[in-house]
C-alpha atoms as a PDB file:
ATOM      1  CA  MET A   1      26.557  -1.028  -7.112  1.00  0.00           C
ATOM      2  CA  ALA A   2      24.429   2.035  -7.824  1.00  0.00           C
ATOM      3  CA  PRO A   3      24.212   4.579  -4.996  1.00  0.00           C
ATOM      4  CA  TRP A   4      21.049   4.575  -2.903  1.00  0.00           C
ATOM      5  CA  ARG A   5      18.737   7.437  -3.884  1.00  0.00           C
ATOM      6  CA  GLU A   6      16.334   9.260  -1.639  1.00  0.00           C
ATOM      7  CA  VAL A   7      12.970   9.928  -3.254  1.00  0.00           C
ATOM      8  CA  PRO A   8      13.108  13.374  -4.877  1.00  0.00           C
ATOM      9  CA  TYR A   9       9.475  14.147  -4.148  1.00  0.00           C
ATOM     10  CA  GLU A  10       7.392  15.063  -1.124  1.00  0.00           C
ATOM     11  CA  ILE A  11       4.898  12.698   0.490  1.00  0.00           C
ATOM     12  CA  ARG A  12       2.251  14.392   2.612  1.00  0.00           C
ATOM     13  CA  ASP A  13      -1.133  13.505   4.063  1.00  0.00           C
ATOM     14  CA  VAL A  14      -4.264  14.425   2.161  1.00  0.00           C
ATOM     15  CA  THR A  15      -6.554  16.877   3.921  1.00  0.00           C
ATOM     16  CA  PRO A  16      -9.054  15.470   6.452  1.00  0.00           C
ATOM     17  CA  GLU A  17     -11.887  16.333   4.037  1.00  0.00           C
ATOM     18  CA  GLU A  18     -10.191  14.502   1.164  1.00  0.00           C
ATOM     19  CA  ASP A  19      -9.458  11.506   3.371  1.00  0.00           C
ATOM     20  CA  LYS A  20     -13.115  11.331   4.345  1.00  0.00           C
ATOM     21  CA  ILE A  21     -14.196  11.313   0.691  1.00  0.00           C
ATOM     22  CA  ILE A  22     -11.746   8.531  -0.183  1.00  0.00           C
ATOM     23  CA  LYS A  23     -12.782   6.409   2.774  1.00  0.00           C
ATOM     24  CA  LYS A  24     -16.442   6.682   1.815  1.00  0.00           C
ATOM     25  CA  CYS A  25     -15.468   4.540  -1.166  1.00  0.00           C
ATOM     26  CA  LEU A  26     -12.738   2.276   0.214  1.00  0.00           C
ATOM     27  CA  ILE A  27     -12.917   0.132   3.321  1.00  0.00           C
ATOM     28  CA  GLY A  28     -10.230  -1.157   5.632  1.00  0.00           C
ATOM     29  CA  TYR A  29      -7.904   1.852   5.594  1.00  0.00           C
ATOM     30  CA  THR A  30      -7.320   3.373   9.021  1.00  0.00           C
ATOM     31  CA  LYS A  31      -4.476   5.806   8.312  1.00  0.00           C
ATOM     32  CA  PRO A  32      -4.800   8.949   6.181  1.00  0.00           C
ATOM     33  CA  PHE A  33      -4.044   8.622   2.493  1.00  0.00           C
ATOM     34  CA  VAL A  34      -1.080  10.538   1.111  1.00  0.00           C
ATOM     35  CA  LYS A  35      -0.206  12.629  -1.937  1.00  0.00           C
ATOM     36  CA  CYS A  36       3.111  12.086  -3.673  1.00  0.00           C
ATOM     37  CA  GLY A  37       5.198  14.384  -5.845  1.00  0.00           C
ATOM     38  CA  LYS A  38       4.383  17.557  -7.744  1.00  0.00           C
ATOM     39  CA  ASN A  39       1.376  15.905  -9.411  1.00  0.00           C
ATOM     40  CA  GLU A  40       0.092  14.807  -5.983  1.00  0.00           C
ATOM     41  CA  TYR A  41      -0.579  11.161  -6.773  1.00  0.00           C
ATOM     42  CA  VAL A  42      -2.865   9.651  -4.150  1.00  0.00           C
ATOM     43  CA  MET A  43      -1.643   6.503  -2.415  1.00  0.00           C
ATOM     44  CA  PRO A  44      -2.423   4.584   0.782  1.00  0.00           C
ATOM     45  CA  ASN A  45      -0.392   5.702   3.785  1.00  0.00           C
ATOM     46  CA  VAL A  46       1.783   2.576   3.765  1.00  0.00           C
ATOM     47  CA  PHE A  47       3.330   3.777   0.494  1.00  0.00           C
ATOM     48  CA  ARG A  48       5.536   6.036   2.643  1.00  0.00           C
ATOM     49  CA  LYS A  49       7.281   2.925   3.907  1.00  0.00           C
ATOM     50  CA  HIS A  50       7.939   1.471   0.454  1.00  0.00           C
ATOM     51  CA  ALA A  51       8.415   4.518  -1.795  1.00  0.00           C
ATOM     52  CA  GLU A  52      12.193   4.671  -1.454  1.00  0.00           C
ATOM     53  CA  TYR A  53      12.622   0.950  -2.091  1.00  0.00           C
ATOM     54  CA  ILE A  54      10.483   1.130  -5.213  1.00  0.00           C
ATOM     55  CA  TYR A  55      12.356   4.195  -6.446  1.00  0.00           C
ATOM     56  CA  ASN A  56      15.627   2.260  -5.983  1.00  0.00           C
ATOM     57  CA  PHE A  57      14.300  -0.973  -7.469  1.00  0.00           C
ATOM     58  CA  LYS A  58      16.961  -2.565  -9.701  1.00  0.00           C
ATOM     59  CA  VAL A  59      15.725  -2.497 -13.289  1.00  0.00           C
ATOM     60  CA  ARG A  60      17.230  -5.076 -15.655  1.00  0.00           C
ATOM     61  CA  PRO A  61      17.766  -4.638 -19.415  1.00  0.00           C
ATOM     62  CA  ASP A  62      15.650  -7.700 -20.211  1.00  0.00           C
ATOM     63  CA  ASP A  63      12.702  -6.587 -18.057  1.00  0.00           C
ATOM     64  CA  ILE A  64       9.392  -5.862 -19.753  1.00  0.00           C
ATOM     65  CA  TRP A  65       7.064  -3.549 -17.859  1.00  0.00           C
ATOM     66  CA  VAL A  66       3.370  -2.841 -18.427  1.00  0.00           C
ATOM     67  CA  VAL A  67       2.377   0.471 -16.871  1.00  0.00           C
ATOM     68  CA  THR A  68      -1.223   1.679 -16.672  1.00  0.00           C
ATOM     69  CA  TYR A  69      -3.696   3.493 -14.525  1.00  0.00           C
ATOM     70  CA  PRO A  70      -5.898   0.692 -13.039  1.00  0.00           C
ATOM     71  CA  ARG A  71      -8.629  -0.714 -15.313  1.00  0.00           C
ATOM     72  CA  SER A  72      -7.102   0.576 -18.538  1.00  0.00           C
ATOM     73  CA  GLY A  73      -6.480  -2.744 -20.270  1.00  0.00           C
ATOM     74  CA  THR A  74      -3.659  -3.907 -18.029  1.00  0.00           C
ATOM     75  CA  THR A  75      -4.538  -7.609 -17.886  1.00  0.00           C
ATOM     76  CA  TRP A  76      -5.271  -7.712 -21.597  1.00  0.00           C
ATOM     77  CA  THR A  77      -1.876  -6.226 -22.416  1.00  0.00           C
ATOM     78  CA  GLN A  78      -0.021  -8.421 -19.904  1.00  0.00           C
ATOM     79  CA  GLU A  79      -1.365 -11.624 -21.438  1.00  0.00           C
ATOM     80  CA  MET A  80      -0.469 -10.407 -24.932  1.00  0.00           C
ATOM     81  CA  VAL A  81       3.069  -9.476 -23.936  1.00  0.00           C
ATOM     82  CA  TRP A  82       3.726 -12.671 -22.006  1.00  0.00           C
ATOM     83  CA  LEU A  83       2.597 -14.857 -24.881  1.00  0.00           C
ATOM     84  CA  LEU A  84       4.580 -12.901 -27.471  1.00  0.00           C
ATOM     85  CA  GLU A  85       7.698 -13.230 -25.335  1.00  0.00           C
ATOM     86  CA  ASN A  86       7.060 -16.930 -24.748  1.00  0.00           C
ATOM     87  CA  GLU A  87       6.558 -17.990 -28.368  1.00  0.00           C
ATOM     88  CA  LEU A  88       2.774 -18.186 -28.001  1.00  0.00           C
ATOM     89  CA  ASP A  89       3.071 -21.047 -25.528  1.00  0.00           C
ATOM     90  CA  PHE A  90      -0.624 -21.210 -24.636  1.00  0.00           C
ATOM     91  CA  GLU A  91      -0.146 -24.444 -22.687  1.00  0.00           C
ATOM     92  CA  ALA A  92       2.420 -22.822 -20.400  1.00  0.00           C
ATOM     93  CA  SER A  93       0.144 -19.843 -19.890  1.00  0.00           C
ATOM     94  CA  ILE A  94      -2.587 -21.988 -18.351  1.00  0.00           C
ATOM     95  CA  LYS A  95      -0.243 -23.573 -15.833  1.00  0.00           C
ATOM     96  CA  LYS A  96       0.252 -20.380 -13.848  1.00  0.00           C
ATOM     97  CA  PRO A  97      -2.040 -17.460 -13.014  1.00  0.00           C
ATOM     98  CA  LEU A  98      -1.150 -14.241 -14.799  1.00  0.00           C
ATOM     99  CA  TYR A  99      -0.411 -12.495 -11.486  1.00  0.00           C
ATOM    100  CA  GLU A 100       2.415 -15.023 -10.942  1.00  0.00           C
ATOM    101  CA  ARG A 101       3.765 -14.773 -14.481  1.00  0.00           C
ATOM    102  CA  PHE A 102       3.468 -10.995 -14.507  1.00  0.00           C
ATOM    103  CA  PRO A 103       3.453  -9.758 -10.873  1.00  0.00           C
ATOM    104  CA  MET A 104       2.505  -6.289  -9.670  1.00  0.00           C
ATOM    105  CA  LEU A 105       5.408  -4.274  -8.295  1.00  0.00           C
ATOM    106  CA  GLU A 106       3.584  -2.314  -5.582  1.00  0.00           C
ATOM    107  CA  ILE A 107       0.653  -4.557  -4.658  1.00  0.00           C
ATOM    108  CA  THR A 108       1.849  -4.691  -1.046  1.00  0.00           C
ATOM    109  CA  THR A 109       1.261  -0.942  -0.768  1.00  0.00           C
ATOM    110  CA  GLN A 110      -2.399  -1.306  -1.767  1.00  0.00           C
ATOM    111  CA  ILE A 111      -3.534  -3.656   0.983  1.00  0.00           C
ATOM    112  CA  PRO A 112      -5.788  -1.942   3.557  1.00  0.00           C
ATOM    113  CA  GLU A 113      -4.496  -2.105   7.128  1.00  0.00           C
ATOM    114  CA  ILE A 114      -7.542  -4.017   8.345  1.00  0.00           C
ATOM    115  CA  ALA A 115      -7.404  -6.463   5.426  1.00  0.00           C
ATOM    116  CA  VAL A 116      -3.988  -7.937   6.284  1.00  0.00           C
ATOM    117  CA  GLU A 117      -5.324 -10.470   8.782  1.00  0.00           C
ATOM    118  CA  LEU A 118      -8.435 -11.128   6.687  1.00  0.00           C
ATOM    119  CA  ILE A 119      -6.275 -12.047   3.706  1.00  0.00           C
ATOM    120  CA  LYS A 120      -4.271 -14.465   5.833  1.00  0.00           C
ATOM    121  CA  ILE A 121      -7.457 -16.373   6.681  1.00  0.00           C
ATOM    122  CA  ASN A 122      -8.723 -16.066   3.081  1.00  0.00           C
ATOM    123  CA  PHE A 123     -11.777 -13.997   4.009  1.00  0.00           C
ATOM    124  CA  MET A 124     -14.073 -13.729   0.950  1.00  0.00           C
ATOM    125  CA  ASN A 125     -11.437 -15.524  -1.171  1.00  0.00           C
ATOM    126  CA  LEU A 126      -9.176 -12.479  -0.914  1.00  0.00           C
ATOM    127  CA  ALA A 127      -6.013 -14.563  -0.551  1.00  0.00           C
ATOM    128  CA  LYS A 128      -6.585 -15.971  -4.028  1.00  0.00           C
ATOM    129  CA  PHE A 129      -6.986 -12.544  -5.585  1.00  0.00           C
ATOM    130  CA  GLN A 130      -3.872 -11.263  -7.385  1.00  0.00           C
ATOM    131  CA  GLY A 131      -1.569 -13.145  -5.018  1.00  0.00           C
ATOM    132  CA  LEU A 132      -2.457 -11.063  -1.967  1.00  0.00           C
ATOM    133  CA  ASN A 133      -1.607 -13.976   0.354  1.00  0.00           C
ATOM    134  CA  LYS A 134       2.074 -13.628  -0.565  1.00  0.00           C
ATOM    135  CA  ALA A 135       2.036  -9.837  -0.673  1.00  0.00           C
ATOM    136  CA  VAL A 136       1.006  -9.579   2.990  1.00  0.00           C
ATOM    137  CA  LYS A 137       3.939 -11.743   4.061  1.00  0.00           C
ATOM    138  CA  ARG A 138       6.709 -10.116   2.075  1.00  0.00           C
ATOM    139  CA  PRO A 139       6.917  -6.852   0.084  1.00  0.00           C
ATOM    140  CA  SER A 140       6.021  -7.524  -3.545  1.00  0.00           C
ATOM    141  CA  TRP A 141       8.882  -5.393  -4.842  1.00  0.00           C
ATOM    142  CA  GLU A 142      11.311  -7.505  -2.807  1.00  0.00           C
ATOM    143  CA  THR A 143      10.028 -10.773  -4.245  1.00  0.00           C
ATOM    144  CA  ILE A 144      10.222  -9.411  -7.805  1.00  0.00           C
ATOM    145  CA  ASN A 145      13.724  -8.085  -7.170  1.00  0.00           C
ATOM    146  CA  GLU A 146      14.905 -11.647  -6.547  1.00  0.00           C
ATOM    147  CA  ALA A 147      12.989 -13.230  -9.441  1.00  0.00           C
ATOM    148  CA  PRO A 148      15.011 -14.767 -12.284  1.00  0.00           C
ATOM    149  CA  SER A 149      15.260 -13.035 -15.652  1.00  0.00           C
ATOM    150  CA  PRO A 150      13.521 -12.296 -17.868  1.00  0.00           C
ATOM    151  CA  ARG A 151      11.008 -10.561 -15.631  1.00  0.00           C
ATOM    152  CA  PHE A 152       7.551  -9.322 -16.550  1.00  0.00           C
ATOM    153  CA  ILE A 153       6.459  -6.509 -14.243  1.00  0.00           C
ATOM    154  CA  LYS A 154       3.114  -4.791 -13.927  1.00  0.00           C
ATOM    155  CA  THR A 155       2.627  -1.496 -12.133  1.00  0.00           C
ATOM    156  CA  HIS A 156      -0.026   1.171 -11.793  1.00  0.00           C
ATOM    157  CA  LEU A 157       2.456   3.722 -10.520  1.00  0.00           C
ATOM    158  CA  PRO A 158       3.167   6.730 -12.749  1.00  0.00           C
ATOM    159  CA  LEU A 159       6.626   7.027 -14.271  1.00  0.00           C
ATOM    160  CA  SER A 160       7.687   9.740 -11.817  1.00  0.00           C
ATOM    161  CA  LEU A 161       7.318   7.370  -8.831  1.00  0.00           C
ATOM    162  CA  LEU A 162       9.231   4.556 -10.539  1.00  0.00           C
ATOM    163  CA  PRO A 163      13.016   4.033 -10.810  1.00  0.00           C
ATOM    164  CA  PRO A 164      14.472   6.998 -12.752  1.00  0.00           C
ATOM    165  CA  ASN A 165      16.501   4.719 -15.032  1.00  0.00           C
ATOM    166  CA  LEU A 166      13.474   2.620 -16.056  1.00  0.00           C
ATOM    167  CA  LEU A 167      13.034   3.913 -19.609  1.00  0.00           C
ATOM    168  CA  ASP A 168      16.742   3.965 -20.363  1.00  0.00           C
ATOM    169  CA  THR A 169      17.099   0.361 -19.202  1.00  0.00           C
ATOM    170  CA  ALA A 170      14.005  -1.712 -19.961  1.00  0.00           C
ATOM    171  CA  LYS A 171      11.067  -1.966 -22.366  1.00  0.00           C
ATOM    172  CA  VAL A 172       7.889  -0.251 -21.132  1.00  0.00           C
ATOM    173  CA  ILE A 173       4.385  -0.496 -22.585  1.00  0.00           C
ATOM    174  CA  TYR A 174       1.877   2.105 -21.396  1.00  0.00           C
ATOM    175  CA  VAL A 175      -1.866   1.821 -22.021  1.00  0.00           C
ATOM    176  CA  ALA A 176      -4.318   4.709 -21.493  1.00  0.00           C
ATOM    177  CA  ARG A 177      -8.131   4.640 -21.491  1.00  0.00           C
ATOM    178  CA  ASP A 178     -10.999   7.128 -21.420  1.00  0.00           C
ATOM    179  CA  PRO A 179     -11.162   8.277 -17.761  1.00  0.00           C
ATOM    180  CA  ARG A 180     -14.946   7.971 -17.697  1.00  0.00           C
ATOM    181  CA  ASP A 181     -14.861   4.273 -18.561  1.00  0.00           C
ATOM    182  CA  VAL A 182     -11.953   3.797 -16.159  1.00  0.00           C
ATOM    183  CA  MET A 183     -14.019   5.204 -13.305  1.00  0.00           C
ATOM    184  CA  VAL A 184     -16.966   2.881 -14.021  1.00  0.00           C
ATOM    185  CA  SER A 185     -14.680  -0.137 -14.268  1.00  0.00           C
ATOM    186  CA  ASN A 186     -12.946   0.724 -10.988  1.00  0.00           C
ATOM    187  CA  TYR A 187     -16.270   1.019  -9.224  1.00  0.00           C
ATOM    188  CA  TYR A 188     -17.218  -2.501 -10.285  1.00  0.00           C
ATOM    189  CA  LEU A 189     -13.770  -3.846  -9.390  1.00  0.00           C
ATOM    190  CA  HIS A 190     -14.152  -2.655  -5.817  1.00  0.00           C
ATOM    191  CA  LYS A 191     -17.709  -3.944  -5.751  1.00  0.00           C
ATOM    192  CA  MET A 192     -16.404  -7.353  -6.786  1.00  0.00           C
ATOM    193  CA  VAL A 193     -13.564  -7.449  -4.262  1.00  0.00           C
ATOM    194  CA  VAL A 194     -15.479  -6.421  -1.138  1.00  0.00           C
ATOM    195  CA  LYS A 195     -18.952  -7.496  -2.291  1.00  0.00           C
ATOM    196  CA  GLY A 196     -21.648  -6.619   0.237  1.00  0.00           C
ATOM    197  CA  LEU A 197     -19.178  -4.682   2.370  1.00  0.00           C
ATOM    198  CA  LEU A 198     -18.816  -1.914  -0.215  1.00  0.00           C
ATOM    199  CA  ARG A 199     -20.249   1.197   1.339  1.00  0.00           C
ATOM    200  CA  GLY A 200     -19.439   3.740  -1.355  1.00  0.00           C
ATOM    201  CA  THR A 201     -22.162   4.534  -3.858  1.00  0.00           C
ATOM    202  CA  PHE A 202     -21.497   5.116  -7.539  1.00  0.00           C
ATOM    203  CA  MET A 203     -21.947   8.849  -6.981  1.00  0.00           C
ATOM    204  CA  GLN A 204     -19.424   8.842  -4.139  1.00  0.00           C
ATOM    205  CA  PHE A 205     -16.887   7.086  -6.359  1.00  0.00           C
ATOM    206  CA  TRP A 206     -17.508   9.688  -9.041  1.00  0.00           C
ATOM    207  CA  GLU A 207     -17.048  12.509  -6.538  1.00  0.00           C
ATOM    208  CA  ALA A 208     -13.642  11.117  -5.551  1.00  0.00           C
ATOM    209  CA  TYR A 209     -12.689  10.653  -9.199  1.00  0.00           C
ATOM    210  CA  ARG A 210     -13.632  14.062 -10.433  1.00  0.00           C
ATOM    211  CA  ARG A 211     -11.695  15.599  -7.542  1.00  0.00           C
ATOM    212  CA  ASP A 212      -8.620  13.471  -8.360  1.00  0.00           C
ATOM    213  CA  ILE A 213      -8.537  11.936  -4.895  1.00  0.00           C
ATOM    214  CA  PHE A 214      -8.725   8.231  -5.663  1.00  0.00           C
ATOM    215  CA  PRO A 215      -5.647   5.939  -5.489  1.00  0.00           C
ATOM    216  CA  TYR A 216      -3.139   6.553  -8.297  1.00  0.00           C
ATOM    217  CA  MET A 217      -4.905   9.740  -9.371  1.00  0.00           C
ATOM    218  CA  PRO A 218      -4.685  12.262 -10.990  1.00  0.00           C
ATOM    219  CA  LEU A 219      -5.338  10.044 -13.990  1.00  0.00           C
ATOM    220  CA  ILE A 220      -4.617  12.655 -16.687  1.00  0.00           C
ATOM    221  CA  SER A 221      -1.214  13.472 -15.188  1.00  0.00           C
ATOM    222  CA  HIS A 222      -0.512   9.735 -14.967  1.00  0.00           C
ATOM    223  CA  ALA A 223      -1.175   9.267 -18.678  1.00  0.00           C
ATOM    224  CA  ASN A 224       0.490  12.503 -19.703  1.00  0.00           C
ATOM    225  CA  GLU A 225       3.785  11.556 -18.064  1.00  0.00           C
ATOM    226  CA  ALA A 226       3.955   8.574 -20.402  1.00  0.00           C
ATOM    227  CA  TRP A 227       2.560  10.502 -23.372  1.00  0.00           C
ATOM    228  CA  GLU A 228       5.384  13.005 -23.102  1.00  0.00           C
ATOM    229  CA  GLN A 229       7.837  10.090 -23.374  1.00  0.00           C
ATOM    230  CA  ARG A 230       6.042   8.428 -26.303  1.00  0.00           C
ATOM    231  CA  HIS A 231       8.978   9.002 -28.666  1.00  0.00           C
ATOM    232  CA  HIS A 232      11.444   7.282 -26.338  1.00  0.00           C
ATOM    233  CA  PRO A 233      12.694   4.109 -28.091  1.00  0.00           C
ATOM    234  CA  ASN A 234      11.948   2.004 -25.008  1.00  0.00           C
ATOM    235  CA  LEU A 235       8.345   3.173 -24.568  1.00  0.00           C
ATOM    236  CA  LEU A 236       5.294   2.041 -26.525  1.00  0.00           C
ATOM    237  CA  PHE A 237       2.190   4.141 -25.801  1.00  0.00           C
ATOM    238  CA  MET A 238      -1.205   2.702 -26.740  1.00  0.00           C
ATOM    239  CA  PHE A 239      -4.847   3.562 -26.207  1.00  0.00           C
ATOM    240  CA  TYR A 240      -7.278   0.913 -24.996  1.00  0.00           C
ATOM    241  CA  GLU A 241      -9.900   2.109 -27.475  1.00  0.00           C
ATOM    242  CA  ASP A 242      -7.513   1.713 -30.433  1.00  0.00           C
ATOM    243  CA  MET A 243      -6.694  -1.813 -29.288  1.00  0.00           C
ATOM    244  CA  LEU A 244     -10.384  -2.704 -29.253  1.00  0.00           C
ATOM    245  CA  GLN A 245     -10.855  -1.260 -32.712  1.00  0.00           C
ATOM    246  CA  ASP A 246      -7.978  -3.187 -34.311  1.00  0.00           C
ATOM    247  CA  LEU A 247      -6.369  -5.763 -32.023  1.00  0.00           C
ATOM    248  CA  PRO A 248      -4.334  -7.533 -34.758  1.00  0.00           C
ATOM    249  CA  LYS A 249      -2.707  -4.222 -35.691  1.00  0.00           C
ATOM    250  CA  HIS A 250      -1.666  -3.653 -32.090  1.00  0.00           C
ATOM    251  CA  ILE A 251      -0.405  -7.204 -31.702  1.00  0.00           C
ATOM    252  CA  HIS A 252       1.902  -6.425 -34.627  1.00  0.00           C
ATOM    253  CA  SER A 253       2.920  -3.142 -32.982  1.00  0.00           C
ATOM    254  CA  VAL A 254       3.767  -4.825 -29.689  1.00  0.00           C
ATOM    255  CA  SER A 255       5.645  -7.671 -31.388  1.00  0.00           C
ATOM    256  CA  ASP A 256       7.691  -5.145 -33.390  1.00  0.00           C
ATOM    257  CA  PHE A 257       8.414  -3.173 -30.231  1.00  0.00           C
ATOM    258  CA  LEU A 258       9.579  -6.350 -28.489  1.00  0.00           C
ATOM    259  CA  GLN A 259      11.523  -7.349 -31.620  1.00  0.00           C
ATOM    260  CA  LYS A 260       9.569 -10.576 -31.989  1.00  0.00           C
ATOM    261  CA  THR A 261       8.654 -12.140 -35.320  1.00  0.00           C
ATOM    262  CA  ILE A 262       5.039 -13.196 -35.705  1.00  0.00           C
ATOM    263  CA  THR A 263       3.051 -14.438 -38.694  1.00  0.00           C
ATOM    264  CA  ASP A 264      -0.440 -13.312 -39.662  1.00  0.00           C
ATOM    265  CA  GLU A 265      -1.711 -16.763 -38.734  1.00  0.00           C
ATOM    266  CA  GLN A 266      -0.184 -16.443 -35.265  1.00  0.00           C
ATOM    267  CA  VAL A 267      -1.642 -12.966 -34.897  1.00  0.00           C
ATOM    268  CA  GLU A 268      -5.094 -14.322 -35.682  1.00  0.00           C
ATOM    269  CA  LYS A 269      -4.667 -17.108 -33.126  1.00  0.00           C
ATOM    270  CA  LEU A 270      -3.431 -14.723 -30.438  1.00  0.00           C
ATOM    271  CA  ALA A 271      -6.236 -12.261 -31.161  1.00  0.00           C
ATOM    272  CA  GLY A 272      -8.735 -15.062 -30.658  1.00  0.00           C
ATOM    273  CA  HIS A 273      -7.134 -16.003 -27.355  1.00  0.00           C
ATOM    274  CA  LEU A 274      -7.258 -12.347 -26.276  1.00  0.00           C
ATOM    275  CA  SER A 275     -10.922 -11.827 -27.154  1.00  0.00           C
ATOM    276  CA  PHE A 276     -12.900 -10.766 -24.091  1.00  0.00           C
ATOM    277  CA  LYS A 277     -15.196 -13.730 -24.559  1.00  0.00           C
ATOM    278  CA  ASN A 278     -12.254 -16.102 -24.154  1.00  0.00           C
ATOM    279  CA  LEU A 279     -10.460 -14.080 -21.483  1.00  0.00           C
ATOM    280  CA  LYS A 280     -13.564 -14.226 -19.269  1.00  0.00           C
ATOM    281  CA  LYS A 281     -13.427 -18.039 -19.474  1.00  0.00           C
ATOM    282  CA  ASN A 282      -9.693 -18.111 -18.689  1.00  0.00           C
ATOM    283  CA  LYS A 283      -9.393 -18.477 -14.901  1.00  0.00           C
ATOM    284  CA  ASN A 284      -5.650 -17.819 -15.015  1.00  0.00           C
ATOM    285  CA  VAL A 285      -6.385 -14.367 -16.400  1.00  0.00           C
ATOM    286  CA  ASN A 286      -9.863 -13.596 -15.078  1.00  0.00           C
ATOM    287  CA  ASN A 287      -8.736 -13.596 -11.454  1.00  0.00           C
ATOM    288  CA  SER A 288     -12.042 -12.881  -9.739  1.00  0.00           C
ATOM    289  CA  THR A 289     -13.063 -13.434  -6.117  1.00  0.00           C
ATOM    290  CA  GLY A 290     -15.846 -15.909  -6.772  1.00  0.00           C
ATOM    291  CA  ASP A 291     -18.656 -13.409  -7.432  1.00  0.00           C
ATOM    292  CA  THR A 292     -20.767 -14.757 -10.284  1.00  0.00           C
ATOM    293  CA  GLU A 293     -22.246 -11.398 -11.209  1.00  0.00           C
ATOM    294  CA  ILE A 294     -19.136  -9.197 -11.329  1.00  0.00           C
ATOM    295  CA  GLN A 295     -15.919 -10.525 -12.803  1.00  0.00           C
ATOM    296  CA  PHE A 296     -12.373  -9.144 -12.894  1.00  0.00           C
ATOM    297  CA  ILE A 297     -12.621  -9.217 -16.702  1.00  0.00           C
ATOM    298  CA  ARG A 298     -15.888  -7.353 -17.112  1.00  0.00           C
ATOM    299  CA  LYS A 299     -17.139  -6.144 -20.508  1.00  0.00           C
ATOM    300  CA  GLY A 300     -14.230  -4.793 -22.512  1.00  0.00           C
ATOM    301  CA  GLU A 301     -16.184  -2.033 -24.158  1.00  0.00           C
ATOM    302  CA  VAL A 302     -15.923   1.619 -25.132  1.00  0.00           C
ATOM    303  CA  GLY A 303     -18.426   4.171 -23.863  1.00  0.00           C
ATOM    304  CA  GLY A 304     -19.997   2.058 -21.138  1.00  0.00           C
ATOM    305  CA  TRP A 305     -19.980   5.151 -18.932  1.00  0.00           C
ATOM    306  CA  LYS A 306     -22.890   6.543 -20.973  1.00  0.00           C
ATOM    307  CA  THR A 307     -25.291   4.089 -19.346  1.00  0.00           C
ATOM    308  CA  HIS A 308     -24.119   5.139 -15.876  1.00  0.00           C
ATOM    309  CA  PHE A 309     -23.772   8.927 -16.038  1.00  0.00           C
ATOM    310  CA  ASP A 310     -26.778  11.235 -15.760  1.00  0.00           C
ATOM    311  CA  ALA A 311     -26.844  14.657 -17.461  1.00  0.00           C
ATOM    312  CA  LYS A 312     -25.210  16.398 -14.499  1.00  0.00           C
ATOM    313  CA  MET A 313     -22.386  13.870 -14.371  1.00  0.00           C
ATOM    314  CA  GLU A 314     -21.804  14.218 -18.121  1.00  0.00           C
ATOM    315  CA  LEU A 315     -21.325  17.958 -17.728  1.00  0.00           C
ATOM    316  CA  GLN A 316     -19.052  17.417 -14.742  1.00  0.00           C
ATOM    317  CA  ALA A 317     -17.018  14.928 -16.790  1.00  0.00           C
ATOM    318  CA  GLU A 318     -16.664  17.440 -19.629  1.00  0.00           C
ATOM    319  CA  GLU A 319     -15.477  20.088 -17.211  1.00  0.00           C
ATOM    320  CA  TYR A 320     -13.067  17.623 -15.610  1.00  0.00           C
ATOM    321  CA  LEU A 321     -11.550  16.539 -18.929  1.00  0.00           C
ATOM    322  CA  ASN A 322     -11.379  20.028 -20.405  1.00  0.00           C
ATOM    323  CA  THR A 323      -9.659  21.404 -17.322  1.00  0.00           C
ATOM    324  CA  ARG A 324      -7.150  18.560 -16.973  1.00  0.00           C
ATOM    325  CA  LEU A 325      -6.328  18.318 -20.697  1.00  0.00           C
ATOM    326  CA  LYS A 326      -5.977  22.071 -21.232  1.00  0.00           C
ATOM    327  CA  GLY A 327      -2.557  22.894 -22.653  1.00  0.00           C
ATOM    328  CA  LEU A 328      -1.649  19.231 -23.206  1.00  0.00           C
ATOM    329  CA  SER A 329      -1.128  17.496 -26.539  1.00  0.00           C
ATOM    330  CA  LEU A 330      -2.562  14.326 -24.984  1.00  0.00           C
ATOM    331  CA  GLN A 331      -5.954  13.556 -26.502  1.00  0.00           C
ATOM    332  CA  PHE A 332      -8.091  10.485 -25.893  1.00  0.00           C
ATOM    333  CA  PRO A 333      -9.565   8.823 -29.025  1.00  0.00           C
ATOM    334  CA  THR A 334     -13.066   9.026 -27.528  1.00  0.00           C
ATOM    335  CA  TYR A 335     -12.884  12.661 -26.479  1.00  0.00           C
ATOM    336  CA  ASP A 336     -12.422  15.650 -28.769  1.00  0.00           C
ATOM    337  CA  ASN A 337     -11.015  18.340 -26.498  1.00  0.00           C
ATOM    338  CA  ASP A 338     -11.654  21.211 -28.915  1.00  0.00           C
ATOM    339  CA  ASP A 339     -15.182  20.102 -29.746  1.00  0.00           C
ATOM    340  CA  GLU A 340     -16.126  19.693 -26.084  1.00  0.00           C
ATOM    341  CA  CYS A 341     -14.701  23.107 -25.228  1.00  0.00           C
ATOM    342  CA  SER A 342     -16.938  24.724 -27.829  1.00  0.00           C
ATOM    343  CA  ARG A 343     -20.012  23.274 -26.098  1.00  0.00           C
ATOM    344  CA  LEU A 344     -19.267  24.714 -22.673  1.00  0.00           C
END
């Protein structure tokens, strides 16, 4: 049995000012948020209680992990991976929700303190969202730890907060997306989940984002940790925008990475299944909370942020990206670092 490891990073409370900004956007959290590690990843306070267990989570050689910052193509990639690993068994895929086939490691740590009892009584259909009804009863990492192999595991945690032997043990697929589109998508996700109770405005969400004080942020550090490991044989790094541009090509890439054989005809069939038009109709994948206007699977587009950002926000976004990407080889397909720098 492997020795128990203490987390090698510090966990400390955010400042009162930062906590106030976060809580303008998110409801139900009563304790101060925390920052974790040298990159200061923001997490709810309850993460303190689970961090060591997650860091010591037992990774298996036949695990397949999908790691992303939230709203970066996670669900899309999960469904692709699960079907490739299950011989394109579309019938089996509709018998169980994706969150049961491909559970989220740390979902227990994301539940607001006030929401625990509300989930138990299924307030606003929350119990049916991403399996929250089970996550409030027992830690999600504990349930996954006892699941039979092969396991499919989703997480939004950066590599540095995950088990240190992850990459040397299991297959990991990381997907990154333009931070501006990620921010817009996250705003609508929270609007869907809490509906009329959402008190944060779009501008308040943007303020939290551009200051890197939203859960799982800083986003650039999150992506860069994986980018720096992109040559590791057990890591496949992909960009959401590239997947949208040529999904069949990326289906081939993922199948090769997983050492699965797939024909062009099967690729075409899987690509059709994974189209956003079809995913929105698939209730086992599009796990919404009953809101007819905003769905968990939203638009699946590139550059949607342009219809939401005013001129001031565009300049702020340029400054944010230029500052965070400076000195890194990481470059998003939709953002030319050098070109943007020349305009400032």
